[in-house]
Amino acid sequence: MDFLSEYINPKSLIIIRKWEKEFGVHISLSKNNKSRLGVFIPKIGAKNVIKINKTLNQYSFLITLVHEMAHASTWKKYRRKVKPHGSEWKEEFRKMILPFINPSFFPNDILMKLSAHLLNPAATTVRDIELTKVLKKYDNKDVITVSEILDGDEFKINNGQQFIRICKLRKNYKCQEISTQKLYRFSPLSEITPL
């Protein structure tokens, strides 16, 4: 059985496996990596490698896999002559995600946000806060983010530091560490534990 069928809709495997051969890539899974969802690693004289975070839900996994395949396609065409997330990559990503923009692959709420995301794809979906919020709804864990609490509420992060949410800035939230009184900015998607 194809290991990818555990992570993505089996209907997408035909396209993904075709790209895997066309772009000379080997797809593998990586452990939970908080800094990146996936990575394309070009190899000279060997198969290129795509690593995808295995803890992603099926929708995030597919979007990330297509994102990295777009890097493989761009690499095959241009090598190092273009920026990693430049206009060439954006065009490849739009073209490659298009076959998946239908209810066979994504629920309607994701389709709406993903369609908006395609107007100007970011270097990572995590930078698209609206898309990331809707994708997180499909994670298997109950997560609370700093955007879900109120100003004045106290919370802690996974390293034990405790904060109080002060106010919303343009995109992020101003928070104050309780023990030091230092001010920090938190992404609205920062995972927290309310106190």
C-alpha atoms as a PDB file:
ATOM      1  CA  MET A   1       0.000   0.000   0.000  1.00  0.00           C
ATOM      2  CA  ASP A   2       1.216   3.501  -0.819  1.00  0.00           C
ATOM      3  CA  PHE A   3       2.243   5.262   2.437  1.00  0.00           C
ATOM      4  CA  LEU A   4       0.978   8.605   1.103  1.00  0.00           C
ATOM      5  CA  SER A   5      -2.609   7.298   1.068  1.00  0.00           C
ATOM      6  CA  GLU A   6      -2.499   7.537   4.879  1.00  0.00           C
ATOM      7  CA  TYR A   7      -1.842  11.288   4.620  1.00  0.00           C
ATOM      8  CA  ILE A   8      -3.725  12.524   1.557  1.00  0.00           C
ATOM      9  CA  ASN A   9      -6.852  11.710  -0.392  1.00  0.00           C
ATOM     10  CA  PRO A  10      -6.021   8.579  -2.437  1.00  0.00           C
ATOM     11  CA  LYS A  11      -7.543  10.278  -5.517  1.00  0.00           C
ATOM     12  CA  SER A  12      -4.596  12.687  -5.527  1.00  0.00           C
ATOM     13  CA  LEU A  13      -1.970   9.929  -5.678  1.00  0.00           C
ATOM     14  CA  ILE A  14      -2.038   9.545  -9.468  1.00  0.00           C
ATOM     15  CA  ILE A  15      -1.073  13.197  -9.952  1.00  0.00           C
ATOM     16  CA  ILE A  16       1.470  13.205  -7.111  1.00  0.00           C
ATOM     17  CA  ARG A  17       3.208  10.008  -8.321  1.00  0.00           C
ATOM     18  CA  LYS A  18       3.320  11.402 -11.890  1.00  0.00           C
ATOM     19  CA  TRP A  19       5.048  14.542 -10.593  1.00  0.00           C
ATOM     20  CA  GLU A  20       7.385  12.482  -8.447  1.00  0.00           C
ATOM     21  CA  LYS A  21       8.715  10.757 -11.597  1.00  0.00           C
ATOM     22  CA  GLU A  22       8.621  13.866 -13.786  1.00  0.00           C
ATOM     23  CA  PHE A  23      10.644  15.977 -11.341  1.00  0.00           C
ATOM     24  CA  GLY A  24      12.883  13.165 -10.061  1.00  0.00           C
ATOM     25  CA  VAL A  25      11.915  13.483  -6.410  1.00  0.00           C
ATOM     26  CA  HIS A  26      11.717  11.130  -3.483  1.00  0.00           C
ATOM     27  CA  ILE A  27       8.994  11.987  -0.942  1.00  0.00           C
ATOM     28  CA  SER A  28       9.626  11.211   2.702  1.00  0.00           C
ATOM     29  CA  LEU A  29       8.113  12.130   6.053  1.00  0.00           C
ATOM     30  CA  SER A  30       9.757  14.243   8.718  1.00  0.00           C
ATOM     31  CA  LYS A  31       9.035  14.409  12.429  1.00  0.00           C
ATOM     32  CA  ASN A  32       7.024  17.284  13.831  1.00  0.00           C
ATOM     33  CA  ASN A  33       9.023  20.314  12.767  1.00  0.00           C
ATOM     34  CA  LYS A  34       7.713  23.553  14.244  1.00  0.00           C
ATOM     35  CA  SER A  35       9.748  25.795  11.935  1.00  0.00           C
ATOM     36  CA  ARG A  36       8.600  24.365   8.585  1.00  0.00           C
ATOM     37  CA  LEU A  37       5.823  22.219   7.173  1.00  0.00           C
ATOM     38  CA  GLY A  38       7.858  20.824   4.299  1.00  0.00           C
ATOM     39  CA  VAL A  39      11.066  21.278   2.368  1.00  0.00           C
ATOM     40  CA  PHE A  40      12.382  20.644  -1.147  1.00  0.00           C
ATOM     41  CA  ILE A  41      16.063  19.660  -1.251  1.00  0.00           C
ATOM     42  CA  PRO A  42      17.612  19.660  -4.729  1.00  0.00           C
ATOM     43  CA  LYS A  43      20.298  17.050  -5.343  1.00  0.00           C
ATOM     44  CA  ILE A  44      22.745  17.108  -8.208  1.00  0.00           C
ATOM     45  CA  GLY A  45      23.259  13.632  -9.688  1.00  0.00           C
ATOM     46  CA  ALA A  46      20.682  11.990  -7.417  1.00  0.00           C
ATOM     47  CA  LYS A  47      16.969  12.150  -6.734  1.00  0.00           C
ATOM     48  CA  ASN A  48      15.721  15.419  -5.266  1.00  0.00           C
ATOM     49  CA  VAL A  49      14.082  15.077  -1.855  1.00  0.00           C
ATOM     50  CA  ILE A  50      10.794  16.425  -0.512  1.00  0.00           C
ATOM     51  CA  LYS A  51      10.203  16.063   3.219  1.00  0.00           C
ATOM     52  CA  ILE A  52       6.743  16.718   4.657  1.00  0.00           C
ATOM     53  CA  ASN A  53       5.857  17.071   8.330  1.00  0.00           C
ATOM     54  CA  LYS A  54       3.969  13.856   9.158  1.00  0.00           C
ATOM     55  CA  THR A  55       1.824  15.497  11.838  1.00  0.00           C
ATOM     56  CA  LEU A  56      -0.096  17.669   9.356  1.00  0.00           C
ATOM     57  CA  ASN A  57      -3.774  17.008   8.749  1.00  0.00           C
ATOM     58  CA  GLN A  58      -4.663  15.650   5.298  1.00  0.00           C
ATOM     59  CA  TYR A  59      -5.531  19.079   3.865  1.00  0.00           C
ATOM     60  CA  SER A  60      -2.395  20.843   5.135  1.00  0.00           C
ATOM     61  CA  PHE A  61      -0.347  17.861   3.979  1.00  0.00           C
ATOM     62  CA  LEU A  62      -1.677  18.060   0.405  1.00  0.00           C
ATOM     63  CA  ILE A  63      -1.209  21.835   0.148  1.00  0.00           C
ATOM     64  CA  THR A  64       2.338  21.534   1.526  1.00  0.00           C
ATOM     65  CA  LEU A  65       3.163  18.659  -0.819  1.00  0.00           C
ATOM     66  CA  VAL A  66       1.967  20.621  -3.867  1.00  0.00           C
ATOM     67  CA  HIS A  67       3.920  23.669  -2.582  1.00  0.00           C
ATOM     68  CA  GLU A  68       7.113  21.581  -2.489  1.00  0.00           C
ATOM     69  CA  MET A  69       6.361  19.928  -5.854  1.00  0.00           C
ATOM     70  CA  ALA A  70       6.100  23.446  -7.312  1.00  0.00           C
ATOM     71  CA  HIS A  71       9.661  23.993  -6.031  1.00  0.00           C
ATOM     72  CA  ALA A  72      10.732  20.778  -7.772  1.00  0.00           C
ATOM     73  CA  SER A  73       9.122  21.917 -11.028  1.00  0.00           C
ATOM     74  CA  THR A  74      10.692  25.367 -10.768  1.00  0.00           C
ATOM     75  CA  TRP A  75      14.084  23.807  -9.987  1.00  0.00           C
ATOM     76  CA  LYS A  76      13.841  21.544 -13.039  1.00  0.00           C
ATOM     77  CA  LYS A  77      13.118  24.535 -15.300  1.00  0.00           C
ATOM     78  CA  TYR A  78      15.360  27.244 -13.831  1.00  0.00           C
ATOM     79  CA  ARG A  79      17.774  25.733 -11.282  1.00  0.00           C
ATOM     80  CA  ARG A  80      19.171  28.629  -9.215  1.00  0.00           C
ATOM     81  CA  LYS A  81      18.308  31.345 -11.742  1.00  0.00           C
ATOM     82  CA  VAL A  82      15.109  32.426  -9.938  1.00  0.00           C
ATOM     83  CA  LYS A  83      14.087  33.274  -6.374  1.00  0.00           C
ATOM     84  CA  PRO A  84      12.697  30.334  -4.333  1.00  0.00           C
ATOM     85  CA  HIS A  85       9.266  31.998  -3.921  1.00  0.00           C
ATOM     86  CA  GLY A  86       9.433  34.341  -6.876  1.00  0.00           C
ATOM     87  CA  SER A  87       6.922  34.809  -9.674  1.00  0.00           C
ATOM     88  CA  GLU A  88       8.015  31.600 -11.441  1.00  0.00           C
ATOM     89  CA  TRP A  89       7.335  29.498  -8.340  1.00  0.00           C
ATOM     90  CA  LYS A  90       4.016  31.274  -7.692  1.00  0.00           C
ATOM     91  CA  GLU A  91       2.865  30.501 -11.225  1.00  0.00           C
ATOM     92  CA  GLU A  92       3.893  26.837 -10.881  1.00  0.00           C
ATOM     93  CA  PHE A  93       2.103  26.532  -7.542  1.00  0.00           C
ATOM     94  CA  ARG A  94      -1.105  28.062  -8.930  1.00  0.00           C
ATOM     95  CA  LYS A  95      -1.012  25.761 -11.945  1.00  0.00           C
ATOM     96  CA  MET A  96      -0.249  22.641  -9.883  1.00  0.00           C
ATOM     97  CA  ILE A  97      -2.837  23.219  -7.129  1.00  0.00           C
ATOM     98  CA  LEU A  98      -5.612  23.879  -9.669  1.00  0.00           C
ATOM     99  CA  PRO A  99      -6.614  20.201 -10.182  1.00  0.00           C
ATOM    100  CA  PHE A 100      -7.249  19.960  -6.430  1.00  0.00           C
ATOM    101  CA  ILE A 101      -9.477  23.042  -6.138  1.00  0.00           C
ATOM    102  CA  ASN A 102     -12.735  21.123  -5.879  1.00  0.00           C
ATOM    103  CA  PRO A 103     -14.838  19.477  -3.140  1.00  0.00           C
ATOM    104  CA  SER A 104     -13.343  16.053  -3.903  1.00  0.00           C
ATOM    105  CA  PHE A 105     -10.152  17.195  -2.206  1.00  0.00           C
ATOM    106  CA  PHE A 106     -11.057  20.011   0.198  1.00  0.00           C
ATOM    107  CA  PRO A 107     -14.109  21.102   2.218  1.00  0.00           C
ATOM    108  CA  ASN A 108     -15.774  24.349   1.121  1.00  0.00           C
ATOM    109  CA  ASP A 109     -14.331  26.492   3.940  1.00  0.00           C
ATOM    110  CA  ILE A 110     -10.787  25.534   2.916  1.00  0.00           C
ATOM    111  CA  LEU A 111     -11.591  25.985  -0.779  1.00  0.00           C
ATOM    112  CA  MET A 112     -12.678  29.582  -0.142  1.00  0.00           C
ATOM    113  CA  LYS A 113      -9.513  30.516   1.787  1.00  0.00           C
ATOM    114  CA  LEU A 114      -7.224  28.557  -0.552  1.00  0.00           C
ATOM    115  CA  SER A 115      -8.709  30.316  -3.588  1.00  0.00           C
ATOM    116  CA  ALA A 116      -8.004  33.692  -1.944  1.00  0.00           C
ATOM    117  CA  HIS A 117      -4.481  32.503  -1.053  1.00  0.00           C
ATOM    118  CA  LEU A 118      -3.772  31.764  -4.723  1.00  0.00           C
ATOM    119  CA  LEU A 119      -4.103  35.438  -5.666  1.00  0.00           C
ATOM    120  CA  ASN A 120      -0.619  35.924  -4.195  1.00  0.00           C
ATOM    121  CA  PRO A 121       0.754  32.707  -2.641  1.00  0.00           C
ATOM    122  CA  ALA A 122       3.056  33.300   0.309  1.00  0.00           C
ATOM    123  CA  ALA A 123       6.332  31.501   0.948  1.00  0.00           C
ATOM    124  CA  THR A 124       4.421  29.383   3.444  1.00  0.00           C
ATOM    125  CA  THR A 125       0.743  28.881   4.197  1.00  0.00           C
ATOM    126  CA  VAL A 126       1.478  29.768   7.825  1.00  0.00           C
ATOM    127  CA  ARG A 127       1.913  33.405   6.728  1.00  0.00           C
ATOM    128  CA  ASP A 128      -1.652  33.345   5.419  1.00  0.00           C
ATOM    129  CA  ILE A 129      -3.426  33.630   8.753  1.00  0.00           C
ATOM    130  CA  GLU A 130      -6.950  33.096   7.408  1.00  0.00           C
ATOM    131  CA  LEU A 131      -5.973  29.937   5.516  1.00  0.00           C
ATOM    132  CA  THR A 132      -4.009  28.618   8.486  1.00  0.00           C
ATOM    133  CA  LYS A 133      -6.952  29.209  10.856  1.00  0.00           C
ATOM    134  CA  VAL A 134      -9.321  27.195   8.695  1.00  0.00           C
ATOM    135  CA  LEU A 135      -6.746  24.418   8.176  1.00  0.00           C
ATOM    136  CA  LYS A 136      -6.152  24.165  11.943  1.00  0.00           C
ATOM    137  CA  LYS A 137      -9.849  23.379  12.432  1.00  0.00           C
ATOM    138  CA  TYR A 138      -9.092  19.977  10.895  1.00  0.00           C
ATOM    139  CA  ASP A 139      -6.196  19.126  13.201  1.00  0.00           C
ATOM    140  CA  ASN A 140      -6.860  16.235  15.563  1.00  0.00           C
ATOM    141  CA  LYS A 141      -5.908  18.140  18.686  1.00  0.00           C
ATOM    142  CA  ASP A 142      -7.719  20.784  20.669  1.00  0.00           C
ATOM    143  CA  VAL A 143      -5.561  23.875  20.408  1.00  0.00           C
ATOM    144  CA  ILE A 144      -6.155  27.342  21.814  1.00  0.00           C
ATOM    145  CA  THR A 145      -4.420  30.272  20.157  1.00  0.00           C
ATOM    146  CA  VAL A 146      -3.635  33.726  21.514  1.00  0.00           C
ATOM    147  CA  SER A 147      -6.322  35.171  19.195  1.00  0.00           C
ATOM    148  CA  GLU A 148      -9.021  33.179  21.015  1.00  0.00           C
ATOM    149  CA  ILE A 149      -8.515  34.745  24.443  1.00  0.00           C
ATOM    150  CA  LEU A 150      -9.351  38.267  25.620  1.00  0.00           C
ATOM    151  CA  ASP A 151      -7.154  41.258  26.460  1.00  0.00           C
ATOM    152  CA  GLY A 152      -6.163  40.902  30.114  1.00  0.00           C
ATOM    153  CA  ASP A 153      -6.241  37.083  30.032  1.00  0.00           C
ATOM    154  CA  GLU A 154      -3.162  35.258  31.264  1.00  0.00           C
ATOM    155  CA  PHE A 155      -1.602  32.304  29.467  1.00  0.00           C
ATOM    156  CA  LYS A 156       1.559  30.252  29.248  1.00  0.00           C
ATOM    157  CA  ILE A 157       3.503  28.871  26.303  1.00  0.00           C
ATOM    158  CA  ASN A 158       5.091  25.434  25.998  1.00  0.00           C
ATOM    159  CA  ASN A 159       8.370  26.458  27.672  1.00  0.00           C
ATOM    160  CA  GLY A 160       6.463  27.569  30.801  1.00  0.00           C
ATOM    161  CA  GLN A 161       6.760  31.356  30.350  1.00  0.00           C
ATOM    162  CA  GLN A 162       3.618  33.180  31.478  1.00  0.00           C
ATOM    163  CA  PHE A 163       2.108  36.192  29.745  1.00  0.00           C
ATOM    164  CA  ILE A 164      -0.857  38.505  29.779  1.00  0.00           C
ATOM    165  CA  ARG A 165      -2.466  39.573  26.495  1.00  0.00           C
ATOM    166  CA  ILE A 166      -2.415  43.375  26.264  1.00  0.00           C
ATOM    167  CA  CYS A 167      -3.998  44.300  22.916  1.00  0.00           C
ATOM    168  CA  LYS A 168      -4.309  43.491  19.252  1.00  0.00           C
ATOM    169  CA  LEU A 169      -1.859  45.233  16.957  1.00  0.00           C
ATOM    170  CA  ARG A 170      -2.357  45.300  13.198  1.00  0.00           C
ATOM    171  CA  LYS A 171      -1.871  41.541  12.767  1.00  0.00           C
ATOM    172  CA  ASN A 172      -0.204  40.318  15.934  1.00  0.00           C
ATOM    173  CA  TYR A 173      -0.944  40.636  19.653  1.00  0.00           C
ATOM    174  CA  LYS A 174       1.062  42.623  22.180  1.00  0.00           C
ATOM    175  CA  CYS A 175       1.643  40.514  25.277  1.00  0.00           C
ATOM    176  CA  GLN A 176       3.629  41.106  28.450  1.00  0.00           C
ATOM    177  CA  GLU A 177       5.683  38.460  30.194  1.00  0.00           C
ATOM    178  CA  ILE A 178       4.423  38.401  33.777  1.00  0.00           C
ATOM    179  CA  SER A 179       7.762  37.800  35.560  1.00  0.00           C
ATOM    180  CA  THR A 180       9.910  40.306  33.640  1.00  0.00           C
ATOM    181  CA  GLN A 181       7.298  42.829  32.387  1.00  0.00           C
ATOM    182  CA  LYS A 182       8.946  42.602  28.932  1.00  0.00           C
ATOM    183  CA  LEU A 183       6.678  43.132  25.922  1.00  0.00           C
ATOM    184  CA  TYR A 184       6.422  40.592  23.111  1.00  0.00           C
ATOM    185  CA  ARG A 185       4.505  40.222  19.866  1.00  0.00           C
ATOM    186  CA  PHE A 186       2.635  36.990  19.293  1.00  0.00           C
ATOM    187  CA  SER A 187       1.240  35.688  16.042  1.00  0.00           C
ATOM    188  CA  PRO A 188      -2.533  35.212  16.310  1.00  0.00           C
ATOM    189  CA  LEU A 189      -1.877  31.515  15.676  1.00  0.00           C
ATOM    190  CA  SER A 190       0.538  31.045  18.594  1.00  0.00           C
ATOM    191  CA  GLU A 191      -0.591  28.015  20.589  1.00  0.00           C
ATOM    192  CA  ILE A 192      -1.095  28.769  24.272  1.00  0.00           C
ATOM    193  CA  THR A 193      -2.496  27.351  27.487  1.00  0.00           C
ATOM    194  CA  PRO A 194      -4.846  29.741  29.320  1.00  0.00           C
ATOM    195  CA  LEU A 195      -4.173  30.212  33.068  1.00  0.00           C
END
